[in-house]
Amino acid sequence: MRQVEWERNTETKKIILIVPKFSNVLLRKHLLPRLNKPHFIIKLDELGSFVWEQCDGKRNAKQIAEAFGNHFGEKVQEPYVRTAKFLHNAP
């Protein structure tokens, strides 16, 4: 399930993640308002954007990996491994 803010770039159709720099409640309360850029902006590529869109809370990792492999075909090697790495590192 997605736990950070995100938006879709209207031109490229790729996903942009907006991740707070701090997860600690006290740091968020006291430091974030003082920072010029309180968030990290992460621009996903075509592959990452596809996987992110599949993470809707209804599909499990296996279903996402299968859809990923079917959608990109030969362009992606080892879709299960790539999906697992993405999900492990996703905010």
Protein backbone atom coordinates (compact mmCIF):
# COMPACT_ATOMS: atom_id res chain seq x y z
CA MET A 1 0.00 0.00 0.00
CA ARG A 2 1.28 3.46 -0.82
CA GLN A 3 2.38 5.46 2.20
CA VAL A 4 3.78 8.63 0.63
CA GLU A 5 2.34 11.42 -1.44
CA TRP A 6 2.68 11.03 -5.19
CA GLU A 7 1.58 12.57 -8.44
CA ARG A 8 1.67 11.73 -12.11
CA ASN A 9 3.62 13.95 -14.50
CA THR A 10 1.03 15.02 -17.08
CA GLU A 11 3.53 15.12 -19.93
CA THR A 12 5.54 11.94 -19.38
CA LYS A 13 2.86 9.96 -17.48
CA LYS A 14 5.57 8.90 -15.00
CA ILE A 15 5.15 8.90 -11.23
CA ILE A 16 6.78 11.43 -8.90
CA LEU A 17 7.05 10.51 -5.21
CA ILE A 18 7.08 13.22 -2.54
CA VAL A 19 8.81 11.77 0.53
CA PRO A 20 9.28 13.72 3.80
CA LYS A 21 12.93 14.03 4.85
CA PHE A 22 12.15 12.90 8.39
CA SER A 23 9.89 10.13 9.67
CA ASN A 24 10.31 10.96 13.37
CA VAL A 25 7.30 12.93 14.64
CA LEU A 26 9.37 15.41 16.67
CA LEU A 27 11.78 16.11 13.82
CA ARG A 28 8.88 16.58 11.43
CA LYS A 29 7.20 19.01 13.80
CA HIS A 30 10.25 21.14 14.55
CA LEU A 31 12.61 20.83 11.59
CA LEU A 32 10.43 20.40 8.49
CA PRO A 33 8.83 23.85 8.72
CA ARG A 34 12.31 25.43 8.79
CA LEU A 35 13.67 23.66 5.72
CA ASN A 36 13.49 25.16 2.24
CA LYS A 37 12.82 21.72 0.78
CA PRO A 38 11.18 19.52 3.41
CA HIS A 39 10.68 16.62 0.98
CA PHE A 40 12.70 14.40 -1.32
CA ILE A 41 11.37 14.35 -4.88
CA ILE A 42 11.83 10.93 -6.50
CA LYS A 43 11.07 10.63 -10.20
CA LEU A 44 10.34 7.06 -11.22
CA ASP A 45 11.14 5.74 -14.68
CA GLU A 46 8.65 3.89 -16.87
CA LEU A 47 9.27 0.57 -15.11
CA GLY A 48 9.03 1.95 -11.58
CA SER A 49 5.93 3.94 -12.49
CA PHE A 50 4.21 0.78 -13.73
CA VAL A 51 4.99 -1.13 -10.53
CA TRP A 52 3.92 1.82 -8.36
CA GLU A 53 0.56 1.99 -10.11
CA GLN A 54 0.05 -1.74 -9.53
CA CYS A 55 0.48 -1.28 -5.76
CA ASP A 56 -3.17 -0.61 -5.03
CA GLY A 57 -3.63 -2.77 -1.94
CA LYS A 58 -5.56 -5.40 -3.93
CA ARG A 59 -2.66 -7.17 -5.64
CA ASN A 60 0.09 -9.16 -3.96
CA ALA A 61 3.77 -9.08 -4.98
CA LYS A 62 3.43 -12.14 -7.22
CA GLN A 63 0.52 -10.63 -9.14
CA ILE A 64 2.39 -7.35 -9.57
CA ALA A 65 5.49 -9.17 -10.84
CA GLU A 66 3.41 -11.19 -13.31
CA ALA A 67 1.72 -8.04 -14.64
CA PHE A 68 5.12 -6.36 -14.84
CA GLY A 69 6.61 -9.23 -16.84
CA ASN A 70 3.58 -9.48 -19.13
CA HIS A 71 3.47 -5.74 -19.79
CA PHE A 72 7.16 -5.25 -20.60
CA GLY A 73 7.97 -8.72 -21.97
CA GLU A 74 11.55 -9.06 -23.23
CA LYS A 75 12.40 -5.52 -22.10
CA VAL A 76 12.58 -6.76 -18.49
CA GLN A 77 14.67 -9.70 -17.34
CA GLU A 78 13.78 -11.39 -14.06
CA PRO A 79 10.54 -9.48 -13.36
CA TYR A 80 10.08 -11.23 -10.00
CA VAL A 81 13.51 -10.15 -8.76
CA ARG A 82 13.10 -6.58 -10.02
CA THR A 83 9.64 -6.27 -8.49
CA ALA A 84 10.88 -7.62 -5.16
CA LYS A 85 13.77 -5.14 -5.12
CA PHE A 86 11.43 -2.26 -5.96
CA LEU A 87 8.95 -3.21 -3.25
CA HIS A 88 11.73 -3.67 -0.70
CA ASN A 89 13.18 -0.21 -1.42
CA ALA A 90 9.95 1.69 -2.00
CA PRO A 91 9.07 4.35 0.57
